[in-house]
Amino acid sequence: MPEFLQYGFMHRAFAAGVVTALICPAIGVFLIPRRLSLIADTLAHVALAGVALGLFLGISPVLGALVVTLGGAVGMERLRSRGALQGDAALAVFLSGGFALAVVLISLAQGFNADLFAILFGSILTVSPTDVWLITALGALVVATVGTFYKQLLAITLNEDLARTSGVPVGALNLVLTILTALTTVVAMRMVGVLLVSAMIVIPTLTGFALGRSFRKATAIAIGMALLSVVLGLIAAYYFRLAAGGAVVLTALLLFALASLIRRRPARRAPAPAA
């Protein structure tokens, strides 16, 4: 058995990482084609406010992030769906508002502490058994919901106007997708940190679309690349004493760069048959 598998914290890190790798691209494939990747970054900043609130109140920062992020997801989608603000404007309001609230709460809590630093940037040492169970439960909920509404989510991803005229409840599904993104943000923040959550949703998904020739193949490749990023990133973090979140995301970026090179490489022409 490799040395890094002899420790319980690595077992928990890999368990949390696998769940993260499964659900991040599963959500990303429905966001990237619609140019909604900023939703993930916005909800990450809202989650940061929830983490700061949890630490300020002396409750679980994960619970605080879950409650605040879900509330922010519903509020953001309500503003967008009712036309009170254009899509980008609604995201900007919640992104800046969430970050400002986090800064105020951090200052009231008298600065950084070890828990906040770990949640900001990710830490394999702080993933507790309780975190693993919570992450697994939230991940199972995300996977089950995506599986249940896969065809409808695919329809609004490919052509929202056509889906609406076909009777698909676009507004309700957009709310469901935003809530799933919020849950995914909470799941991933323990592994890669709040500030890098959107990267795990976006980068493996871009790799999948760069290599896959269909939506299903792109989704499968994206999940595979996310899993590979987690495994290689955690191993590198263990042996080189790196920040786990940064190592995982840098690995995902490297895989995306390789995929981009492969995609741009011209196909070799078949040799002409001999006369």
Protein backbone atom coordinates (compact mmCIF):
# COMPACT_ATOMS: atom_id res chain seq x y z
CA MET A 1 0.00 0.00 0.00
CA PRO A 2 1.36 3.48 -0.87
CA GLU A 3 2.43 5.57 2.08
CA PHE A 4 -0.21 8.26 1.57
CA LEU A 5 -3.01 5.70 1.90
CA GLN A 6 -1.92 4.69 5.38
CA TYR A 7 -3.42 7.79 6.94
CA GLY A 8 -7.07 8.38 7.76
CA PHE A 9 -7.04 12.03 6.68
CA MET A 10 -5.98 10.97 3.18
CA HIS A 11 -8.84 8.46 3.03
CA ARG A 12 -11.27 11.23 3.93
CA ALA A 13 -9.65 13.61 1.44
CA PHE A 14 -9.97 11.10 -1.39
CA ALA A 15 -13.59 10.34 -0.45
CA ALA A 16 -14.49 14.04 -0.47
CA GLY A 17 -12.46 14.56 -3.64
CA VAL A 18 -14.21 11.79 -5.55
CA VAL A 19 -17.64 13.23 -4.72
CA THR A 20 -16.41 16.68 -5.73
CA ALA A 21 -15.03 15.38 -9.02
CA LEU A 22 -18.30 13.62 -9.84
CA ILE A 23 -20.67 16.51 -9.31
CA CYS A 24 -18.67 19.59 -10.37
CA PRO A 25 -18.54 18.70 -14.10
CA ALA A 26 -22.08 17.26 -13.91
CA ILE A 27 -23.24 20.79 -13.13
CA GLY A 28 -20.67 22.57 -15.29
CA VAL A 29 -21.86 20.95 -18.53
CA PHE A 30 -25.22 22.72 -18.08
CA LEU A 31 -23.64 26.09 -17.23
CA ILE A 32 -20.76 26.52 -19.69
CA PRO A 33 -22.75 26.25 -22.98
CA ARG A 34 -25.18 28.90 -21.66
CA ARG A 35 -22.36 31.20 -20.57
CA LEU A 36 -23.46 30.97 -16.95
CA SER A 37 -20.12 29.95 -15.47
CA LEU A 38 -20.10 33.19 -13.44
CA ILE A 39 -22.92 31.71 -11.34
CA ALA A 40 -20.44 29.32 -9.74
CA ASP A 41 -18.06 32.15 -8.86
CA THR A 42 -20.91 34.27 -7.52
CA LEU A 43 -22.23 31.50 -5.28
CA ALA A 44 -18.68 30.83 -4.07
CA HIS A 45 -18.51 34.40 -2.77
CA VAL A 46 -21.95 34.01 -1.20
CA ALA A 47 -20.73 30.78 0.42
CA LEU A 48 -17.78 32.70 1.82
CA ALA A 49 -20.26 35.00 3.55
CA GLY A 50 -21.99 31.92 4.97
CA VAL A 51 -18.69 30.53 6.22
CA ALA A 52 -17.86 33.82 7.90
CA LEU A 53 -21.35 33.94 9.45
CA GLY A 54 -20.97 30.42 10.80
CA LEU A 55 -17.62 31.23 12.37
CA PHE A 56 -18.97 34.49 13.78
CA LEU A 57 -21.98 32.76 15.36
CA GLY A 58 -19.92 29.81 16.57
CA ILE A 59 -21.76 27.23 14.45
CA SER A 60 -20.52 24.90 11.72
CA PRO A 61 -19.11 26.98 8.83
CA VAL A 62 -20.36 24.32 6.41
CA LEU A 63 -23.88 24.67 7.76
CA GLY A 64 -23.62 28.44 7.57
CA ALA A 65 -22.41 28.23 3.97
CA LEU A 66 -25.20 25.81 3.05
CA VAL A 67 -27.98 28.01 4.42
CA VAL A 68 -26.65 31.31 3.07
CA THR A 69 -25.73 29.87 -0.36
CA LEU A 70 -29.15 28.30 -0.85
CA GLY A 71 -30.80 31.58 0.14
CA GLY A 72 -28.55 33.48 -2.22
CA ALA A 73 -29.25 31.05 -5.08
CA VAL A 74 -33.01 31.46 -4.71
CA GLY A 75 -32.78 35.25 -4.43
CA MET A 76 -30.47 35.55 -7.41
CA GLU A 77 -32.65 33.40 -9.64
CA ARG A 78 -35.79 35.29 -8.56
CA LEU A 79 -34.21 38.58 -9.62
CA ARG A 80 -33.15 37.12 -12.96
CA SER A 81 -36.44 35.38 -13.72
CA ARG A 82 -38.61 38.40 -12.85
CA GLY A 83 -36.50 40.71 -15.00
CA ALA A 84 -35.74 43.04 -12.09
CA LEU A 85 -32.10 42.86 -13.13
CA GLN A 86 -30.42 41.46 -16.20
CA GLY A 87 -28.59 38.16 -15.71
CA ASP A 88 -25.09 39.61 -15.38
CA ALA A 89 -26.27 42.45 -13.16
CA ALA A 90 -27.97 40.05 -10.73
CA LEU A 91 -24.80 37.98 -10.52
CA ALA A 92 -22.68 41.09 -9.94
CA VAL A 93 -24.95 42.26 -7.11
CA PHE A 94 -24.76 38.96 -5.26
CA LEU A 95 -21.03 38.49 -5.95
CA SER A 96 -20.06 41.90 -4.59
CA GLY A 97 -22.64 41.77 -1.81
CA GLY A 98 -21.56 38.32 -0.67
CA PHE A 99 -17.90 39.28 -0.63
CA ALA A 100 -18.60 42.55 1.22
CA LEU A 101 -20.68 40.73 3.84
CA ALA A 102 -17.89 38.17 4.27
CA VAL A 103 -15.30 40.90 4.82
CA VAL A 104 -17.48 42.62 7.44
CA LEU A 105 -18.18 39.37 9.30
CA ILE A 106 -14.50 38.41 9.21
CA SER A 107 -13.58 41.77 10.72
CA LEU A 108 -16.23 41.32 13.44
CA ALA A 109 -14.83 37.88 14.16
CA GLN A 110 -11.44 39.55 14.66
CA GLY A 111 -9.66 38.28 11.60
CA PHE A 112 -8.64 34.96 10.15
CA ASN A 113 -8.39 31.71 12.01
CA ALA A 114 -7.31 28.24 10.98
CA ASP A 115 -10.83 27.12 10.02
CA LEU A 116 -11.47 30.11 7.78
CA PHE A 117 -8.07 29.83 6.09
CA ALA A 118 -8.65 26.13 5.38
CA ILE A 119 -12.09 26.78 3.91
CA LEU A 120 -10.79 29.64 1.77
CA PHE A 121 -7.99 27.64 0.19
CA GLY A 122 -8.84 24.00 0.98
CA SER A 123 -7.03 21.62 3.31
CA ILE A 124 -6.86 17.83 3.32
CA LEU A 125 -6.12 17.90 7.03
CA THR A 126 -9.43 19.51 8.00
CA VAL A 127 -11.82 17.13 6.23
CA SER A 128 -13.54 15.42 9.16
CA PRO A 129 -15.66 12.24 9.08
CA THR A 130 -18.73 14.45 9.56
CA ASP A 131 -17.70 16.50 6.53
CA VAL A 132 -17.37 13.34 4.45
CA TRP A 133 -20.87 12.18 5.36
CA LEU A 134 -22.35 15.62 4.66
CA ILE A 135 -20.47 15.94 1.38
CA THR A 136 -21.60 12.46 0.33
CA ALA A 137 -25.24 13.22 1.18
CA LEU A 138 -25.23 16.51 -0.71
CA GLY A 139 -23.41 14.89 -3.63
CA ALA A 140 -25.96 12.08 -3.81
CA LEU A 141 -28.76 14.68 -3.84
CA VAL A 142 -27.11 16.55 -6.72
CA VAL A 143 -26.52 13.36 -8.74
CA ALA A 144 -30.08 12.12 -8.17
CA THR A 145 -31.57 15.46 -9.21
CA VAL A 146 -29.44 15.72 -12.34
CA GLY A 147 -30.36 12.15 -13.27
CA THR A 148 -34.07 12.84 -12.76
CA PHE A 149 -34.16 16.05 -14.82
CA TYR A 150 -31.35 15.24 -17.26
CA LYS A 151 -33.45 15.46 -20.46
CA GLN A 152 -35.11 18.72 -19.41
CA LEU A 153 -31.80 20.27 -18.33
CA LEU A 154 -30.26 19.22 -21.63
CA ALA A 155 -33.16 20.77 -23.52
CA ILE A 156 -32.79 24.19 -21.88
CA THR A 157 -29.02 23.99 -22.32
CA LEU A 158 -29.21 23.34 -26.06
CA ASN A 159 -32.02 25.79 -26.83
CA GLU A 160 -33.92 27.51 -24.04
CA ASP A 161 -36.47 29.19 -26.31
CA LEU A 162 -37.31 25.93 -28.08
CA ALA A 163 -37.59 24.14 -24.76
CA ARG A 164 -40.01 26.80 -23.49
CA THR A 165 -42.24 26.50 -26.55
CA SER A 166 -42.17 22.72 -26.12
CA GLY A 167 -43.70 23.02 -22.67
CA VAL A 168 -40.53 22.54 -20.60
CA PRO A 169 -40.77 24.49 -17.29
CA VAL A 170 -37.71 26.62 -17.99
CA GLY A 171 -38.09 28.93 -14.99
CA ALA A 172 -38.39 26.08 -12.50
CA LEU A 173 -35.46 24.21 -14.05
CA ASN A 174 -33.27 27.31 -13.96
CA LEU A 175 -34.02 27.57 -10.25
CA VAL A 176 -33.22 23.88 -9.78
CA LEU A 177 -29.92 24.29 -11.64
CA THR A 178 -28.96 27.32 -9.54
CA ILE A 179 -29.76 25.45 -6.32
CA LEU A 180 -27.71 22.46 -7.52
CA THR A 181 -24.82 24.83 -8.22
CA ALA A 182 -25.15 26.16 -4.67
CA LEU A 183 -25.03 22.62 -3.24
CA THR A 184 -22.04 21.80 -5.43
CA THR A 185 -20.26 24.90 -4.17
CA VAL A 186 -20.73 23.80 -0.56
CA VAL A 187 -19.54 20.27 -1.38
CA ALA A 188 -16.41 21.40 -3.21
CA MET A 189 -15.30 24.13 -0.82
CA ARG A 190 -13.97 21.65 1.76
CA MET A 191 -11.66 20.14 -0.84
CA VAL A 192 -10.44 23.01 -3.04
CA GLY A 193 -11.51 25.98 -0.95
CA VAL A 194 -14.20 28.58 -1.56
CA LEU A 195 -11.97 30.69 -3.81
CA LEU A 196 -11.28 27.78 -6.21
CA VAL A 197 -14.71 26.15 -6.37
CA SER A 198 -15.67 27.71 -9.69
CA ALA A 199 -12.42 26.43 -11.21
CA MET A 200 -13.41 22.81 -10.50
CA ILE A 201 -16.79 23.41 -12.10
CA VAL A 202 -15.42 25.18 -15.17
CA ILE A 203 -11.99 23.74 -16.05
CA PRO A 204 -12.75 19.97 -16.26
CA THR A 205 -15.93 20.85 -18.15
CA LEU A 206 -13.95 22.83 -20.72
CA THR A 207 -11.59 19.87 -21.08
CA GLY A 208 -14.56 17.58 -21.69
CA PHE A 209 -15.99 19.85 -24.38
CA ALA A 210 -12.55 20.14 -25.99
CA LEU A 211 -12.25 16.35 -26.38
CA GLY A 212 -15.82 15.04 -26.50
CA ARG A 213 -17.75 14.86 -29.75
CA SER A 214 -21.15 14.64 -28.11
CA PHE A 215 -22.73 16.00 -24.95
CA ARG A 216 -22.65 12.64 -23.17
CA LYS A 217 -19.03 11.96 -24.16
CA ALA A 218 -18.03 15.46 -23.10
CA THR A 219 -19.71 14.92 -19.72
CA ALA A 220 -17.98 11.57 -19.21
CA ILE A 221 -14.58 13.00 -20.18
CA ALA A 222 -15.09 16.01 -17.90
CA ILE A 223 -15.85 13.76 -14.93
CA GLY A 224 -12.86 11.58 -15.76
CA MET A 225 -10.57 14.60 -15.96
CA ALA A 226 -11.90 15.91 -12.65
CA LEU A 227 -11.25 12.55 -10.98
CA LEU A 228 -7.74 12.43 -12.41
CA SER A 229 -7.11 16.00 -11.23
CA VAL A 230 -8.21 15.13 -7.69
CA VAL A 231 -6.09 11.97 -7.49
CA LEU A 232 -2.92 13.50 -8.95
CA GLY A 233 -3.42 16.79 -7.11
CA LEU A 234 -3.85 15.13 -3.70
CA ILE A 235 -0.83 12.90 -4.24
CA ALA A 236 1.25 15.94 -5.22
CA ALA A 237 -0.08 17.87 -2.22
CA TYR A 238 0.93 15.05 0.12
CA TYR A 239 4.46 14.46 -1.16
CA PHE A 240 5.39 18.08 -1.90
CA ARG A 241 3.46 19.62 1.02
CA LEU A 242 1.34 21.82 -1.22
CA ALA A 243 -2.08 23.35 -0.65
CA ALA A 244 -4.51 20.64 -1.72
CA GLY A 245 -6.94 22.96 -3.48
CA GLY A 246 -4.26 24.71 -5.48
CA ALA A 247 -2.60 21.41 -6.45
CA VAL A 248 -5.90 19.94 -7.67
CA VAL A 249 -6.83 23.02 -9.72
CA LEU A 250 -3.34 23.35 -11.22
CA THR A 251 -3.54 19.70 -12.27
CA ALA A 252 -6.91 20.38 -13.90
CA LEU A 253 -5.39 23.35 -15.72
CA LEU A 254 -2.52 21.21 -16.97
CA LEU A 255 -4.94 18.60 -18.29
CA PHE A 256 -6.94 21.34 -20.02
CA ALA A 257 -3.78 22.69 -21.63
CA LEU A 258 -2.90 19.21 -22.91
CA ALA A 259 -6.43 18.74 -24.23
CA SER A 260 -6.23 22.07 -26.05
CA LEU A 261 -2.95 21.03 -27.70
CA ILE A 262 -4.45 17.73 -28.77
CA ARG A 263 -7.49 19.48 -30.22
CA ARG A 264 -5.39 21.95 -32.21
CA ARG A 265 -3.06 19.27 -33.53
CA PRO A 266 -3.87 18.73 -37.20
CA ALA A 267 -4.94 15.26 -38.16
CA ARG A 268 -2.40 13.30 -40.16
CA ARG A 269 -3.36 12.61 -43.72
CA ALA A 270 -3.51 9.01 -44.76
CA PRO A 271 -0.69 8.08 -47.17
CA ALA A 272 -1.67 7.93 -50.80
CA PRO A 273 -2.09 4.40 -52.15
CA ALA A 274 0.79 3.11 -54.24
CA ALA A 275 0.24 3.21 -57.97
